[in-house]
Amino acid sequence: MNFYRVPFFLPWLYPSLIWRIPTSEKEIFLTFDDGPIEGPTDFVLEQLKSFNAQATFFCIGDNVRKHAQVFRRVVQAGHATGNHTFNHLKGWNTWRDDYLSNIRLCDEQMASEGATPSRIFRPPYGRIKRSQIGLLKDYRIVMWDVLTHDYAQALSPDKCLRGSIAATRPGSIVVFHDSFKAERNMNFVLPRYLEYFSEKGYKFRTLPL
């Protein structure tokens, strides 16, 4: 089993969640979790602009509050934004009403900074209960096809790059993190990843949801 690709059985167990985008085109759907944060998110925006790439940012509401100017730059650059809860809550450890309230609080924070109301949601850590899925019928819940593991401190930047490239295929939803924890690997991997697939004729799109 590929360390960087989602286990094959998870999309089968949770078919209502979005794991990959069906396409016959050379398209990749980059996503960035846990921002916006001054520094890492700015770097991501610069790299995306350099390659004429679009992406989807799954934002933590409290980070939107603390780094509103950075969030507005994401929106102004034409990228899509999604909900990642207000406090990065792990669904498995959270009562469903508290979870839903935290998601709504994130929506309100993003809307207060000029974002179009988001109807896409990614559960932090990928941890969500079936009962919580049932409450979120107004959202498309987006998981991933490729996890770069850029946040893993024991993983070398070069290995992170090679594994992420090898796991990617047309329609892949790919997770990077615009966070301080991931900054070392992400700063190395992202520009090289963008360059590699751009040279192969791929386009980087926002999620069509």
Protein backbone atom coordinates (compact mmCIF):
# COMPACT_ATOMS: atom_id res chain seq x y z
CA MET A 1 0.00 0.00 0.00
CA ASN A 2 1.32 3.45 -0.96
CA PHE A 3 2.15 5.46 2.18
CA TYR A 4 1.09 8.69 0.45
CA ARG A 5 -2.18 7.53 -1.10
CA VAL A 6 -5.41 7.02 0.82
CA PRO A 7 -6.05 3.32 1.65
CA PHE A 8 -8.29 1.82 -1.04
CA PHE A 9 -10.98 0.70 1.41
CA LEU A 10 -11.77 4.14 2.87
CA PRO A 11 -13.59 5.49 -0.22
CA TRP A 12 -15.53 2.22 -0.26
CA LEU A 13 -16.50 2.60 3.42
CA TYR A 14 -17.40 6.29 3.04
CA PRO A 15 -18.72 6.71 -0.52
CA SER A 16 -20.55 9.97 0.24
CA LEU A 17 -17.25 11.74 0.93
CA ILE A 18 -15.12 13.22 -1.86
CA TRP A 19 -11.76 11.48 -2.29
CA ARG A 20 -10.80 12.19 -5.89
CA ILE A 21 -12.24 14.13 -8.85
CA PRO A 22 -13.25 12.01 -11.86
CA THR A 23 -11.50 13.44 -14.90
CA SER A 24 -9.91 12.36 -18.16
CA GLU A 25 -7.78 15.52 -18.20
CA LYS A 26 -4.34 16.14 -16.75
CA GLU A 27 -5.69 17.92 -13.69
CA ILE A 28 -4.57 17.99 -10.06
CA PHE A 29 -6.54 19.52 -7.20
CA LEU A 30 -4.15 20.98 -4.65
CA THR A 31 -5.51 21.69 -1.18
CA PHE A 32 -3.89 23.41 1.79
CA ASP A 33 -4.98 22.77 5.37
CA ASP A 34 -4.72 24.64 8.66
CA GLY A 35 -4.01 28.22 7.54
CA PRO A 36 -4.09 31.01 6.87
CA ILE A 37 -0.83 31.85 8.64
CA GLU A 38 1.49 34.74 7.90
CA GLY A 39 4.62 33.29 6.34
CA PRO A 40 3.65 29.78 5.20
CA THR A 41 0.47 30.89 3.43
CA ASP A 42 2.29 33.82 1.80
CA PHE A 43 4.89 31.40 0.46
CA VAL A 44 2.17 29.14 -0.95
CA LEU A 45 0.49 32.06 -2.69
CA GLU A 46 3.77 33.12 -4.29
CA GLN A 47 4.47 29.63 -5.59
CA LEU A 48 0.96 29.15 -6.96
CA LYS A 49 1.18 32.48 -8.77
CA SER A 50 4.54 31.52 -10.29
CA PHE A 51 2.98 28.46 -11.92
CA ASN A 52 -0.42 29.98 -12.72
CA ALA A 53 -1.92 27.38 -10.38
CA GLN A 54 -5.18 27.51 -8.48
CA ALA A 55 -5.86 25.69 -5.21
CA THR A 56 -8.38 25.24 -2.42
CA PHE A 57 -7.55 26.38 1.11
CA PHE A 58 -9.27 24.63 4.01
CA CYS A 59 -9.10 27.30 6.68
CA ILE A 60 -9.29 27.25 10.45
CA GLY A 61 -11.66 30.00 11.52
CA ASP A 62 -9.47 31.20 14.38
CA ASN A 63 -6.55 31.57 11.96
CA VAL A 64 -8.79 33.60 9.65
CA ARG A 65 -9.53 35.84 12.65
CA LYS A 66 -5.85 36.20 13.59
CA HIS A 67 -4.50 36.53 10.03
CA ALA A 68 -7.35 38.27 8.22
CA GLN A 69 -5.10 40.09 5.76
CA VAL A 70 -3.53 36.82 4.65
CA PHE A 71 -6.96 35.26 4.22
CA ARG A 72 -8.09 38.17 2.08
CA ARG A 73 -5.04 37.67 -0.15
CA VAL A 74 -6.10 34.05 -0.68
CA VAL A 75 -9.59 35.16 -1.72
CA GLN A 76 -8.34 38.04 -3.90
CA ALA A 77 -6.00 35.67 -5.78
CA GLY A 78 -9.03 33.67 -6.91
CA HIS A 79 -8.43 30.54 -4.86
CA ALA A 80 -11.28 28.60 -3.31
CA THR A 81 -11.79 28.42 0.44
CA GLY A 82 -13.25 25.62 2.52
CA ASN A 83 -14.19 25.09 6.14
CA HIS A 84 -11.80 23.28 8.51
CA THR A 85 -13.68 24.13 11.76
CA PHE A 86 -12.95 27.17 13.92
CA ASN A 87 -10.62 25.42 16.38
CA HIS A 88 -9.27 22.42 14.42
CA LEU A 89 -11.54 20.02 16.27
CA LYS A 90 -11.11 16.28 16.05
CA GLY A 91 -14.57 14.95 15.28
CA TRP A 92 -14.07 11.67 17.12
CA ASN A 93 -13.57 13.57 20.39
CA THR A 94 -16.31 16.19 19.96
CA TRP A 95 -20.04 16.14 20.65
CA ARG A 96 -21.93 16.53 17.39
CA ASP A 97 -23.73 19.76 18.40
CA ASP A 98 -20.44 21.34 19.48
CA TYR A 99 -18.86 20.19 16.22
CA LEU A 100 -21.61 21.72 14.10
CA SER A 101 -21.48 24.99 16.06
CA ASN A 102 -17.73 25.20 15.54
CA ILE A 103 -18.13 24.66 11.79
CA ARG A 104 -20.75 27.40 11.60
CA LEU A 105 -18.49 29.75 13.53
CA CYS A 106 -15.78 29.18 10.94
CA ASP A 107 -18.24 29.97 8.14
CA GLU A 108 -19.22 33.21 9.86
CA GLN A 109 -15.59 34.24 10.32
CA MET A 110 -14.73 33.62 6.67
CA ALA A 111 -17.85 35.47 5.50
CA SER A 112 -16.93 38.45 7.68
CA GLU A 113 -13.70 38.74 5.67
CA GLY A 114 -15.44 38.77 2.31
CA ALA A 115 -15.37 35.11 1.32
CA THR A 116 -18.28 33.56 -0.51
CA PRO A 117 -20.07 31.22 1.91
CA SER A 118 -18.29 27.89 1.66
CA ARG A 119 -20.11 24.63 1.17
CA ILE A 120 -17.07 22.42 1.26
CA PHE A 121 -15.71 21.02 4.50
CA ARG A 122 -12.70 18.94 5.48
CA PRO A 123 -12.63 17.34 8.93
CA PRO A 124 -9.37 18.00 10.80
CA TYR A 125 -7.19 14.88 10.94
CA GLY A 126 -9.75 13.24 8.62
CA ARG A 127 -11.58 12.19 11.81
CA ILE A 128 -15.36 12.44 11.63
CA LYS A 129 -18.21 10.35 13.02
CA ARG A 130 -20.99 9.02 10.83
CA SER A 131 -23.47 10.97 12.96
CA GLN A 132 -21.55 14.17 12.18
CA ILE A 133 -21.54 13.36 8.47
CA GLY A 134 -25.31 13.06 8.67
CA LEU A 135 -25.58 16.57 10.13
CA LEU A 136 -23.55 18.15 7.32
CA LYS A 137 -25.93 17.57 4.42
CA ASP A 138 -25.45 21.17 3.21
CA TYR A 139 -21.72 20.54 2.71
CA ARG A 140 -19.60 18.43 0.40
CA ILE A 141 -17.14 16.69 2.71
CA VAL A 142 -13.74 16.58 1.01
CA MET A 143 -11.07 14.09 2.00
CA TRP A 144 -8.04 13.32 -0.21
CA ASP A 145 -6.37 10.94 -2.61
CA VAL A 146 -2.78 11.96 -1.75
CA LEU A 147 -1.43 13.08 1.63
CA THR A 148 2.04 14.59 1.30
CA HIS A 149 2.93 14.11 5.00
CA ASP A 150 4.73 17.44 4.80
CA TYR A 151 4.10 17.93 8.53
CA ALA A 152 6.11 14.79 9.46
CA GLN A 153 9.32 16.02 11.09
CA ALA A 154 11.07 12.67 10.65
CA LEU A 155 10.41 12.66 6.90
CA SER A 156 13.15 14.18 4.75
CA PRO A 157 12.11 16.83 2.22
CA ASP A 158 13.43 14.76 -0.68
CA LYS A 159 11.53 11.65 0.38
CA CYS A 160 8.39 13.73 0.87
CA LEU A 161 8.73 15.06 -2.68
CA ARG A 162 9.39 11.69 -4.31
CA GLY A 163 6.56 9.97 -2.48
CA SER A 164 4.04 12.72 -3.24
CA ILE A 165 4.91 12.71 -6.94
CA ALA A 166 4.69 8.93 -7.18
CA ALA A 167 1.25 8.83 -5.55
CA THR A 168 -0.33 11.56 -7.70
CA ARG A 169 -2.58 10.71 -10.66
CA PRO A 170 -5.13 12.62 -12.77
CA GLY A 171 -7.92 13.86 -10.53
CA SER A 172 -5.92 13.52 -7.32
CA ILE A 173 -6.95 15.71 -4.41
CA VAL A 174 -3.59 16.45 -2.79
CA VAL A 175 -3.08 17.72 0.77
CA PHE A 176 -0.33 20.14 1.73
CA HIS A 177 -0.28 22.22 4.92
CA ASP A 178 0.32 25.96 5.11
CA SER A 179 1.51 25.71 8.72
CA PHE A 180 4.71 26.25 10.67
CA LYS A 181 4.91 22.54 11.48
CA ALA A 182 4.97 21.64 7.77
CA GLU A 183 7.02 24.64 6.65
CA ARG A 184 10.38 22.89 6.16
CA ASN A 185 9.07 20.11 3.93
CA MET A 186 6.39 22.18 2.26
CA ASN A 187 8.84 24.92 1.26
CA PHE A 188 11.05 22.32 -0.39
CA VAL A 189 8.37 20.13 -1.94
CA LEU A 190 5.75 22.55 -3.26
CA PRO A 191 7.80 24.45 -5.88
CA ARG A 192 9.41 21.25 -7.14
CA TYR A 193 6.07 19.44 -7.21
CA LEU A 194 4.49 22.29 -9.18
CA GLU A 195 7.42 22.36 -11.60
CA TYR A 196 7.40 18.59 -12.14
CA PHE A 197 3.72 18.33 -13.01
CA SER A 198 3.65 21.58 -14.97
CA GLU A 199 6.37 20.17 -17.22
CA LYS A 200 4.19 17.05 -17.65
CA GLY A 201 1.34 19.22 -18.93
CA TYR A 202 -0.83 19.16 -15.81
CA LYS A 203 -3.09 22.01 -14.69
CA PHE A 204 -3.81 22.83 -11.07
CA ARG A 205 -7.47 23.57 -10.39
CA THR A 206 -9.75 24.55 -7.54
CA LEU A 207 -12.15 21.85 -6.42
CA PRO A 208 -15.18 21.87 -8.75
CA LEU A 209 -17.72 21.52 -5.94
